[in-house]
PDB file of N, CA and C in Angstrom:
ATOM      1  N   MET A   1     -21.197  -6.554  -1.017  1.00  0.00           N
ATOM      2  CA  MET A   1     -20.326  -7.023  -2.076  1.00  0.00           C
ATOM      3  C   MET A   1     -19.651  -5.849  -2.788  1.00  0.00           C
ATOM      4  N   SER A   2     -20.345  -4.726  -2.882  1.00  0.00           N
ATOM      5  CA  SER A   2     -19.799  -3.557  -3.545  1.00  0.00           C
ATOM      6  C   SER A   2     -18.558  -3.034  -2.807  1.00  0.00           C
ATOM      7  N   LEU A   3     -18.613  -2.999  -1.479  1.00  0.00           N
ATOM      8  CA  LEU A   3     -17.464  -2.547  -0.697  1.00  0.00           C
ATOM      9  C   LEU A   3     -16.288  -3.493  -0.880  1.00  0.00           C
ATOM     10  N   PHE A   4     -16.559  -4.792  -0.906  1.00  0.00           N
ATOM     11  CA  PHE A   4     -15.507  -5.781  -1.135  1.00  0.00           C
ATOM     12  C   PHE A   4     -14.811  -5.518  -2.468  1.00  0.00           C
ATOM     13  N   LEU A   5     -15.598  -5.332  -3.532  1.00  0.00           N
ATOM     14  CA  LEU A   5     -15.018  -5.100  -4.856  1.00  0.00           C
ATOM     15  C   LEU A   5     -14.243  -3.788  -4.906  1.00  0.00           C
ATOM     16  N   THR A   6     -14.721  -2.770  -4.222  1.00  0.00           N
ATOM     17  CA  THR A   6     -14.008  -1.499  -4.174  1.00  0.00           C
ATOM     18  C   THR A   6     -12.658  -1.655  -3.499  1.00  0.00           C
ATOM     19  N   ILE A   7     -12.631  -2.316  -2.341  1.00  0.00           N
ATOM     20  CA  ILE A   7     -11.386  -2.535  -1.611  1.00  0.00           C
ATOM     21  C   ILE A   7     -10.447  -3.420  -2.428  1.00  0.00           C
ATOM     22  N   PHE A   8     -10.972  -4.519  -2.961  1.00  0.00           N
ATOM     23  CA  PHE A   8     -10.156  -5.443  -3.745  1.00  0.00           C
ATOM     24  C   PHE A   8      -9.515  -4.727  -4.928  1.00  0.00           C
ATOM     25  N   THR A   9     -10.318  -3.995  -5.689  1.00  0.00           N
ATOM     26  CA  THR A   9      -9.814  -3.313  -6.880  1.00  0.00           C
ATOM     27  C   THR A   9      -8.780  -2.257  -6.522  1.00  0.00           C
ATOM     28  N   THR A  10      -9.046  -1.489  -5.490  1.00  0.00           N
ATOM     29  CA  THR A  10      -8.110  -0.436  -5.072  1.00  0.00           C
ATOM     30  C   THR A  10      -6.772  -1.020  -4.651  1.00  0.00           C
ATOM     31  N   VAL A  11      -6.803  -2.039  -3.810  1.00  0.00           N
ATOM     32  CA  VAL A  11      -5.552  -2.650  -3.337  1.00  0.00           C
ATOM     33  C   VAL A  11      -4.846  -3.364  -4.483  1.00  0.00           C
ATOM     34  N   PHE A  12      -5.591  -4.062  -5.302  1.00  0.00           N
ATOM     35  CA  PHE A  12      -4.990  -4.772  -6.439  1.00  0.00           C
ATOM     36  C   PHE A  12      -4.254  -3.809  -7.361  1.00  0.00           C
ATOM     37  N   LEU A  13      -4.901  -2.703  -7.730  1.00  0.00           N
ATOM     38  CA  LEU A  13      -4.272  -1.738  -8.616  1.00  0.00           C
ATOM     39  C   LEU A  13      -3.086  -1.045  -7.952  1.00  0.00           C
ATOM     40  N   ALA A  14      -3.192  -0.791  -6.642  1.00  0.00           N
ATOM     41  CA  ALA A  14      -2.088  -0.144  -5.919  1.00  0.00           C
ATOM     42  C   ALA A  14      -0.868  -1.047  -5.844  1.00  0.00           C
ATOM     43  N   GLU A  15      -1.081  -2.349  -5.800  1.00  0.00           N
ATOM     44  CA  GLU A  15       0.027  -3.299  -5.672  1.00  0.00           C
ATOM     45  C   GLU A  15       0.699  -3.625  -6.998  1.00  0.00           C
ATOM     46  N   LEU A  16       0.041  -3.361  -8.112  1.00  0.00           N
ATOM     47  CA  LEU A  16       0.628  -3.701  -9.414  1.00  0.00           C
ATOM     48  C   LEU A  16       1.920  -2.925  -9.630  1.00  0.00           C
ATOM     49  N   GLY A  17       2.988  -3.662  -9.850  1.00  0.00           N
ATOM     50  CA  GLY A  17       4.258  -3.036 -10.163  1.00  0.00           C
ATOM     51  C   GLY A  17       4.977  -2.377  -9.002  1.00  0.00           C
ATOM     52  N   ASP A  18       4.527  -2.595  -7.784  1.00  0.00           N
ATOM     53  CA  ASP A  18       5.211  -1.972  -6.656  1.00  0.00           C
ATOM     54  C   ASP A  18       6.412  -2.812  -6.222  1.00  0.00           C
ATOM     55  N   LYS A  19       7.144  -2.324  -5.230  1.00  0.00           N
ATOM     56  CA  LYS A  19       8.365  -3.008  -4.776  1.00  0.00           C
ATOM     57  C   LYS A  19       8.087  -4.434  -4.331  1.00  0.00           C
ATOM     58  N   THR A  20       6.970  -4.651  -3.669  1.00  0.00           N
ATOM     59  CA  THR A  20       6.641  -5.986  -3.171  1.00  0.00           C
ATOM     60  C   THR A  20       6.475  -6.965  -4.328  1.00  0.00           C
ATOM     61  N   GLN A  21       5.755  -6.558  -5.330  1.00  0.00           N
ATOM     62  CA  GLN A  21       5.526  -7.439  -6.477  1.00  0.00           C
ATOM     63  C   GLN A  21       6.826  -7.697  -7.223  1.00  0.00           C
ATOM     64  N   LEU A  22       7.640  -6.669  -7.363  1.00  0.00           N
ATOM     65  CA  LEU A  22       8.919  -6.850  -8.051  1.00  0.00           C
ATOM     66  C   LEU A  22       9.854  -7.767  -7.263  1.00  0.00           C
ATOM     67  N   ALA A  23       9.872  -7.618  -5.946  1.00  0.00           N
ATOM     68  CA  ALA A  23      10.706  -8.496  -5.117  1.00  0.00           C
ATOM     69  C   ALA A  23      10.235  -9.942  -5.245  1.00  0.00           C
ATOM     70  N   THR A  24       8.928 -10.154  -5.220  1.00  0.00           N
ATOM     71  CA  THR A  24       8.385 -11.503  -5.356  1.00  0.00           C
ATOM     72  C   THR A  24       8.736 -12.087  -6.723  1.00  0.00           C
ATOM     73  N   LEU A  25       8.632 -11.269  -7.758  1.00  0.00           N
ATOM     74  CA  LEU A  25       8.994 -11.713  -9.100  1.00  0.00           C
ATOM     75  C   LEU A  25      10.458 -12.141  -9.144  1.00  0.00           C
ATOM     76  N   LEU A  26      11.336 -11.348  -8.527  1.00  0.00           N
ATOM     77  CA  LEU A  26      12.757 -11.680  -8.536  1.00  0.00           C
ATOM     78  C   LEU A  26      13.047 -12.948  -7.734  1.00  0.00           C
ATOM     79  N   PHE A  27      12.400 -13.111  -6.573  1.00  0.00           N
ATOM     80  CA  PHE A  27      12.584 -14.346  -5.811  1.00  0.00           C
ATOM     81  C   PHE A  27      12.149 -15.550  -6.624  1.00  0.00           C
ATOM     82  N   SER A  28      11.045 -15.416  -7.320  1.00  0.00           N
ATOM     83  CA  SER A  28      10.517 -16.521  -8.112  1.00  0.00           C
ATOM     84  C   SER A  28      11.434 -16.856  -9.288  1.00  0.00           C
ATOM     85  N   ALA A  29      12.013 -15.837  -9.892  1.00  0.00           N
ATOM     86  CA  ALA A  29      12.867 -16.068 -11.058  1.00  0.00           C
ATOM     87  C   ALA A  29      14.273 -16.503 -10.669  1.00  0.00           C
ATOM     88  N   ASP A  30      14.745 -16.058  -9.508  1.00  0.00           N
ATOM     89  CA  ASP A  30      16.143 -16.249  -9.143  1.00  0.00           C
ATOM     90  C   ASP A  30      16.401 -17.519  -8.339  1.00  0.00           C
ATOM     91  N   ASN A  31      15.411 -17.978  -7.607  1.00  0.00           N
ATOM     92  CA  ASN A  31      15.616 -19.120  -6.715  1.00  0.00           C
ATOM     93  C   ASN A  31      15.159 -20.423  -7.353  1.00  0.00           C
ATOM     94  N   PRO A  32      15.961 -21.446  -7.203  1.00  0.00           N
ATOM     95  CA  PRO A  32      15.546 -22.741  -7.729  1.00  0.00           C
ATOM     96  C   PRO A  32      14.496 -23.423  -6.835  1.00  0.00           C
ATOM     97  N   GLN A  33      14.165 -22.779  -5.697  1.00  0.00           N
ATOM     98  CA  GLN A  33      13.173 -23.373  -4.794  1.00  0.00           C
ATOM     99  C   GLN A  33      11.800 -23.429  -5.455  1.00  0.00           C
ATOM    100  N   SER A  34      10.939 -24.067  -4.751  1.00  0.00           N
ATOM    101  CA  SER A  34       9.567 -24.228  -5.203  1.00  0.00           C
ATOM    102  C   SER A  34       8.874 -22.872  -5.364  1.00  0.00           C
ATOM    103  N   LYS A  35       8.169 -22.712  -6.449  1.00  0.00           N
ATOM    104  CA  LYS A  35       7.377 -21.498  -6.650  1.00  0.00           C
ATOM    105  C   LYS A  35       6.269 -21.410  -5.605  1.00  0.00           C
ATOM    106  N   LEU A  36       5.817 -22.554  -5.118  1.00  0.00           N
ATOM    107  CA  LEU A  36       4.816 -22.568  -4.061  1.00  0.00           C
ATOM    108  C   LEU A  36       5.379 -21.959  -2.776  1.00  0.00           C
ATOM    109  N   LEU A  37       6.655 -22.215  -2.484  1.00  0.00           N
ATOM    110  CA  LEU A  37       7.302 -21.623  -1.309  1.00  0.00           C
ATOM    111  C   LEU A  37       7.327 -20.101  -1.435  1.00  0.00           C
ATOM    112  N   VAL A  38       7.707 -19.594  -2.601  1.00  0.00           N
ATOM    113  CA  VAL A  38       7.735 -18.145  -2.823  1.00  0.00           C
ATOM    114  C   VAL A  38       6.330 -17.575  -2.685  1.00  0.00           C
ATOM    115  N   PHE A  39       5.351 -18.223  -3.284  1.00  0.00           N
ATOM    116  CA  PHE A  39       3.961 -17.767  -3.199  1.00  0.00           C
ATOM    117  C   PHE A  39       3.474 -17.746  -1.755  1.00  0.00           C
ATOM    118  N   THR A  40       3.745 -18.809  -1.007  1.00  0.00           N
ATOM    119  CA  THR A  40       3.279 -18.907   0.373  1.00  0.00           C
ATOM    120  C   THR A  40       3.931 -17.855   1.260  1.00  0.00           C
ATOM    121  N   ALA A  41       5.245 -17.681   1.127  1.00  0.00           N
ATOM    122  CA  ALA A  41       5.951 -16.699   1.954  1.00  0.00           C
ATOM    123  C   ALA A  41       5.495 -15.276   1.627  1.00  0.00           C
ATOM    124  N   ALA A  42       5.377 -14.949   0.348  1.00  0.00           N
ATOM    125  CA  ALA A  42       4.945 -13.605  -0.045  1.00  0.00           C
ATOM    126  C   ALA A  42       3.506 -13.350   0.381  1.00  0.00           C
ATOM    127  N   SER A  43       2.642 -14.339   0.229  1.00  0.00           N
ATOM    128  CA  SER A  43       1.245 -14.188   0.633  1.00  0.00           C
ATOM    129  C   SER A  43       1.136 -13.986   2.141  1.00  0.00           C
ATOM    130  N   GLY A  44       1.900 -14.767   2.896  1.00  0.00           N
ATOM    131  CA  GLY A  44       1.897 -14.627   4.356  1.00  0.00           C
ATOM    132  C   GLY A  44       2.370 -13.253   4.793  1.00  0.00           C
ATOM    133  N   ALA A  45       3.409 -12.741   4.136  1.00  0.00           N
ATOM    134  CA  ALA A  45       3.912 -11.411   4.472  1.00  0.00           C
ATOM    135  C   ALA A  45       2.865 -10.332   4.173  1.00  0.00           C
ATOM    136  N   LEU A  46       2.180 -10.453   3.041  1.00  0.00           N
ATOM    137  CA  LEU A  46       1.138  -9.483   2.705  1.00  0.00           C
ATOM    138  C   LEU A  46      -0.045  -9.561   3.664  1.00  0.00           C
ATOM    139  N   ILE A  47      -0.408 -10.771   4.069  1.00  0.00           N
ATOM    140  CA  ILE A  47      -1.507 -10.930   5.021  1.00  0.00           C
ATOM    141  C   ILE A  47      -1.144 -10.292   6.357  1.00  0.00           C
ATOM    142  N   LEU A  48       0.085 -10.533   6.829  1.00  0.00           N
ATOM    143  CA  LEU A  48       0.518  -9.964   8.107  1.00  0.00           C
ATOM    144  C   LEU A  48       0.574  -8.443   8.034  1.00  0.00           C
ATOM    145  N   SER A  49       1.141  -7.887   6.961  1.00  0.00           N
ATOM    146  CA  SER A  49       1.216  -6.426   6.858  1.00  0.00           C
ATOM    147  C   SER A  49      -0.179  -5.809   6.756  1.00  0.00           C
ATOM    148  N   THR A  50      -1.104  -6.487   6.097  1.00  0.00           N
ATOM    149  CA  THR A  50      -2.477  -6.006   6.020  1.00  0.00           C
ATOM    150  C   THR A  50      -3.148  -6.053   7.389  1.00  0.00           C
ATOM    151  N   ALA A  51      -2.916  -7.118   8.151  1.00  0.00           N
ATOM    152  CA  ALA A  51      -3.483  -7.221   9.500  1.00  0.00           C
ATOM    153  C   ALA A  51      -2.968  -6.090  10.391  1.00  0.00           C
ATOM    154  N   ILE A  52      -1.680  -5.780  10.294  1.00  0.00           N
ATOM    155  CA  ILE A  52      -1.110  -4.683  11.081  1.00  0.00           C
ATOM    156  C   ILE A  52      -1.742  -3.355  10.673  1.00  0.00           C
ATOM    157  N   ALA A  53      -1.919  -3.135   9.376  1.00  0.00           N
ATOM    158  CA  ALA A  53      -2.542  -1.899   8.902  1.00  0.00           C
ATOM    159  C   ALA A  53      -3.973  -1.768   9.409  1.00  0.00           C
ATOM    160  N   ILE A  54      -4.707  -2.877   9.437  1.00  0.00           N
ATOM    161  CA  ILE A  54      -6.088  -2.845   9.930  1.00  0.00           C
ATOM    162  C   ILE A  54      -6.115  -2.528  11.416  1.00  0.00           C
ATOM    163  N   MET A  55      -5.215  -3.133  12.192  1.00  0.00           N
ATOM    164  CA  MET A  55      -5.158  -2.845  13.631  1.00  0.00           C
ATOM    165  C   MET A  55      -4.802  -1.376  13.887  1.00  0.00           C
ATOM    166  N   LEU A  56      -3.833  -0.846  13.135  1.00  0.00           N
ATOM    167  CA  LEU A  56      -3.465   0.560  13.298  1.00  0.00           C
ATOM    168  C   LEU A  56      -4.614   1.481  12.867  1.00  0.00           C
ATOM    169  N   GLY A  57      -5.308   1.110  11.801  1.00  0.00           N
ATOM    170  CA  GLY A  57      -6.452   1.898  11.357  1.00  0.00           C
ATOM    171  C   GLY A  57      -7.575   1.901  12.381  1.00  0.00           C
ATOM    172  N   ALA A  58      -7.835   0.752  12.999  1.00  0.00           N
ATOM    173  CA  ALA A  58      -8.871   0.677  14.037  1.00  0.00           C
ATOM    174  C   ALA A  58      -8.479   1.516  15.246  1.00  0.00           C
ATOM    175  N   ALA A  59      -7.192   1.471  15.634  1.00  0.00           N
ATOM    176  CA  ALA A  59      -6.725   2.276  16.772  1.00  0.00           C
ATOM    177  C   ALA A  59      -6.816   3.758  16.437  1.00  0.00           C
ATOM    178  N   ALA A  60      -6.441   4.122  15.215  1.00  0.00           N
ATOM    179  CA  ALA A  60      -6.522   5.524  14.809  1.00  0.00           C
ATOM    180  C   ALA A  60      -7.965   6.002  14.834  1.00  0.00           C
ATOM    181  N   ASP A  61      -8.883   5.158  14.388  1.00  0.00           N
ATOM    182  CA  ASP A  61     -10.297   5.523  14.398  1.00  0.00           C
ATOM    183  C   ASP A  61     -10.796   5.716  15.821  1.00  0.00           C
ATOM    184  N   ARG A  62     -10.349   4.888  16.733  1.00  0.00           N
ATOM    185  CA  ARG A  62     -10.802   4.953  18.113  1.00  0.00           C
ATOM    186  C   ARG A  62     -10.242   6.187  18.824  1.00  0.00           C
ATOM    187  N   TYR A  63      -8.947   6.479  18.616  1.00  0.00           N
ATOM    188  CA  TYR A  63      -8.300   7.546  19.360  1.00  0.00           C
ATOM    189  C   TYR A  63      -8.289   8.889  18.641  1.00  0.00           C
ATOM    190  N   LEU A  64      -8.503   8.868  17.346  1.00  0.00           N
ATOM    191  CA  LEU A  64      -8.471  10.109  16.580  1.00  0.00           C
ATOM    192  C   LEU A  64      -9.799  10.383  15.884  1.00  0.00           C
ATOM    193  N   ALA A  65     -10.874   9.859  16.434  1.00  0.00           N
ATOM    194  CA  ALA A  65     -12.189   9.973  15.799  1.00  0.00           C
ATOM    195  C   ALA A  65     -12.631  11.424  15.646  1.00  0.00           C
ATOM    196  N   PHE A  66     -12.149  12.293  16.510  1.00  0.00           N
ATOM    197  CA  PHE A  66     -12.568  13.687  16.448  1.00  0.00           C
ATOM    198  C   PHE A  66     -11.880  14.457  15.320  1.00  0.00           C
ATOM    199  N   LEU A  67     -10.809  13.892  14.751  1.00  0.00           N
ATOM    200  CA  LEU A  67     -10.107  14.544  13.659  1.00  0.00           C
ATOM    201  C   LEU A  67     -10.669  14.100  12.315  1.00  0.00           C
ATOM    202  N   PRO A  68     -10.769  15.008  11.366  1.00  0.00           N
ATOM    203  CA  PRO A  68     -11.221  14.629  10.023  1.00  0.00           C
ATOM    204  C   PRO A  68     -10.068  13.957   9.262  1.00  0.00           C
ATOM    205  N   LEU A  69      -9.860  12.657   9.493  1.00  0.00           N
ATOM    206  CA  LEU A  69      -8.704  11.949   8.942  1.00  0.00           C
ATOM    207  C   LEU A  69      -8.659  11.966   7.422  1.00  0.00           C
ATOM    208  N   LYS A  70      -9.813  11.845   6.776  1.00  0.00           N
ATOM    209  CA  LYS A  70      -9.824  11.865   5.312  1.00  0.00           C
ATOM    210  C   LYS A  70      -9.373  13.226   4.800  1.00  0.00           C
ATOM    211  N   LEU A  71      -9.771  14.282   5.485  1.00  0.00           N
ATOM    212  CA  LEU A  71      -9.348  15.619   5.084  1.00  0.00           C
ATOM    213  C   LEU A  71      -7.840  15.782   5.275  1.00  0.00           C
ATOM    214  N   ILE A  72      -7.326  15.327   6.413  1.00  0.00           N
ATOM    215  CA  ILE A  72      -5.890  15.416   6.684  1.00  0.00           C
ATOM    216  C   ILE A  72      -5.106  14.592   5.665  1.00  0.00           C
ATOM    217  N   ALA A  73      -5.561  13.373   5.375  1.00  0.00           N
ATOM    218  CA  ALA A  73      -4.887  12.527   4.389  1.00  0.00           C
ATOM    219  C   ALA A  73      -4.932  13.179   3.010  1.00  0.00           C
ATOM    220  N   GLY A  74      -6.070  13.731   2.637  1.00  0.00           N
ATOM    221  CA  GLY A  74      -6.201  14.397   1.344  1.00  0.00           C
ATOM    222  C   GLY A  74      -5.262  15.588   1.219  1.00  0.00           C
ATOM    223  N   ILE A  75      -5.178  16.392   2.264  1.00  0.00           N
ATOM    224  CA  ILE A  75      -4.265  17.537   2.250  1.00  0.00           C
ATOM    225  C   ILE A  75      -2.820  17.056   2.153  1.00  0.00           C
ATOM    226  N   GLY A  76      -2.504  15.981   2.863  1.00  0.00           N
ATOM    227  CA  GLY A  76      -1.152  15.425   2.792  1.00  0.00           C
ATOM    228  C   GLY A  76      -0.799  14.974   1.387  1.00  0.00           C
ATOM    229  N   PHE A  77      -1.731  14.281   0.729  1.00  0.00           N
ATOM    230  CA  PHE A  77      -1.478  13.832  -0.643  1.00  0.00           C
ATOM    231  C   PHE A  77      -1.338  15.027  -1.593  1.00  0.00           C
ATOM    232  N   LEU A  78      -2.170  16.052  -1.395  1.00  0.00           N
ATOM    233  CA  LEU A  78      -2.055  17.241  -2.238  1.00  0.00           C
ATOM    234  C   LEU A  78      -0.707  17.934  -2.036  1.00  0.00           C
ATOM    235  N   LEU A  79      -0.258  18.011  -0.789  1.00  0.00           N
ATOM    236  CA  LEU A  79       1.028  18.629  -0.490  1.00  0.00           C
ATOM    237  C   LEU A  79       2.175  17.854  -1.146  1.00  0.00           C
ATOM    238  N   ILE A  80       2.149  16.531  -1.011  1.00  0.00           N
ATOM    239  CA  ILE A  80       3.180  15.705  -1.645  1.00  0.00           C
ATOM    240  C   ILE A  80       3.139  15.881  -3.165  1.00  0.00           C
ATOM    241  N   GLY A  81       1.952  15.884  -3.743  1.00  0.00           N
ATOM    242  CA  GLY A  81       1.815  16.085  -5.183  1.00  0.00           C
ATOM    243  C   GLY A  81       2.351  17.441  -5.617  1.00  0.00           C
ATOM    244  N   ALA A  82       2.036  18.490  -4.850  1.00  0.00           N
ATOM    245  CA  ALA A  82       2.528  19.828  -5.186  1.00  0.00           C
ATOM    246  C   ALA A  82       4.047  19.885  -5.120  1.00  0.00           C
ATOM    247  N   LEU A  83       4.630  19.231  -4.126  1.00  0.00           N
ATOM    248  CA  LEU A  83       6.094  19.210  -4.015  1.00  0.00           C
ATOM    249  C   LEU A  83       6.726  18.466  -5.188  1.00  0.00           C
ATOM    250  N   LEU A  84       6.108  17.371  -5.608  1.00  0.00           N
ATOM    251  CA  LEU A  84       6.637  16.620  -6.755  1.00  0.00           C
ATOM    252  C   LEU A  84       6.530  17.437  -8.046  1.00  0.00           C
ATOM    253  N   VAL A  85       5.428  18.151  -8.212  1.00  0.00           N
ATOM    254  CA  VAL A  85       5.274  19.004  -9.395  1.00  0.00           C
ATOM    255  C   VAL A  85       6.285  20.148  -9.356  1.00  0.00           C
ATOM    256  N   ALA A  86       6.477  20.742  -8.184  1.00  0.00           N
ATOM    257  CA  ALA A  86       7.404  21.873  -8.039  1.00  0.00           C
ATOM    258  C   ALA A  86       8.841  21.465  -8.364  1.00  0.00           C
ATOM    259  N   GLU A  87       9.195  20.206  -8.134  1.00  0.00           N
ATOM    260  CA  GLU A  87      10.556  19.740  -8.440  1.00  0.00           C
ATOM    261  C   GLU A  87      10.874  19.834  -9.927  1.00  0.00           C
ATOM    262  N   ASN A  88       9.860  19.851 -10.771  1.00  0.00           N
ATOM    263  CA  ASN A  88      10.077  19.880 -12.222  1.00  0.00           C
ATOM    264  C   ASN A  88      10.287  21.275 -12.777  1.00  0.00           C
ATOM    265  N   PHE A  89      10.139  22.290 -11.962  1.00  0.00           N
ATOM    266  CA  PHE A  89      10.349  23.654 -12.411  1.00  0.00           C
ATOM    267  C   PHE A  89      11.727  24.136 -11.993  1.00  0.00           C
ATOM    268  N   PRO A  90      12.353  24.960 -12.824  1.00  0.00           N
ATOM    269  CA  PRO A  90      13.709  25.437 -12.489  1.00  0.00           C
ATOM    270  C   PRO A  90      13.673  26.315 -11.237  1.00  0.00           C
ATOM    271  N   LYS A  91      14.742  26.235 -10.482  1.00  0.00           N
ATOM    272  CA  LYS A  91      14.874  27.033  -9.258  1.00  0.00           C
ATOM    273  C   LYS A  91      15.439  28.398  -9.645  1.00  0.00           C
ATOM    274  N   PHE A  92      14.926  29.442  -9.041  1.00  0.00           N
ATOM    275  CA  PHE A  92      15.405  30.800  -9.341  1.00  0.00           C
ATOM    276  C   PHE A  92      16.366  31.269  -8.301  1.00  0.00           C
TER     277      PHE A  92
END
């Protein structure tokens, strides 16, 4: 149950205010169609994209098991963060 709550909380917080949520909000506010239709279509799209991510993650684990993926991902995030911070300093 602890792993479930960790995954749920992480994904829930990551999705708050992102493009997907904003698009769904706009569809719901802009279309006279049923709100249930918007909910069903958006939920189906999220389920499908999550299924694809899980399949790609399983394939990556199978074929790239010898690589320290968490280390590579962490370095990638640090690099992106450093580049974003560097953009705020004046260029010489």
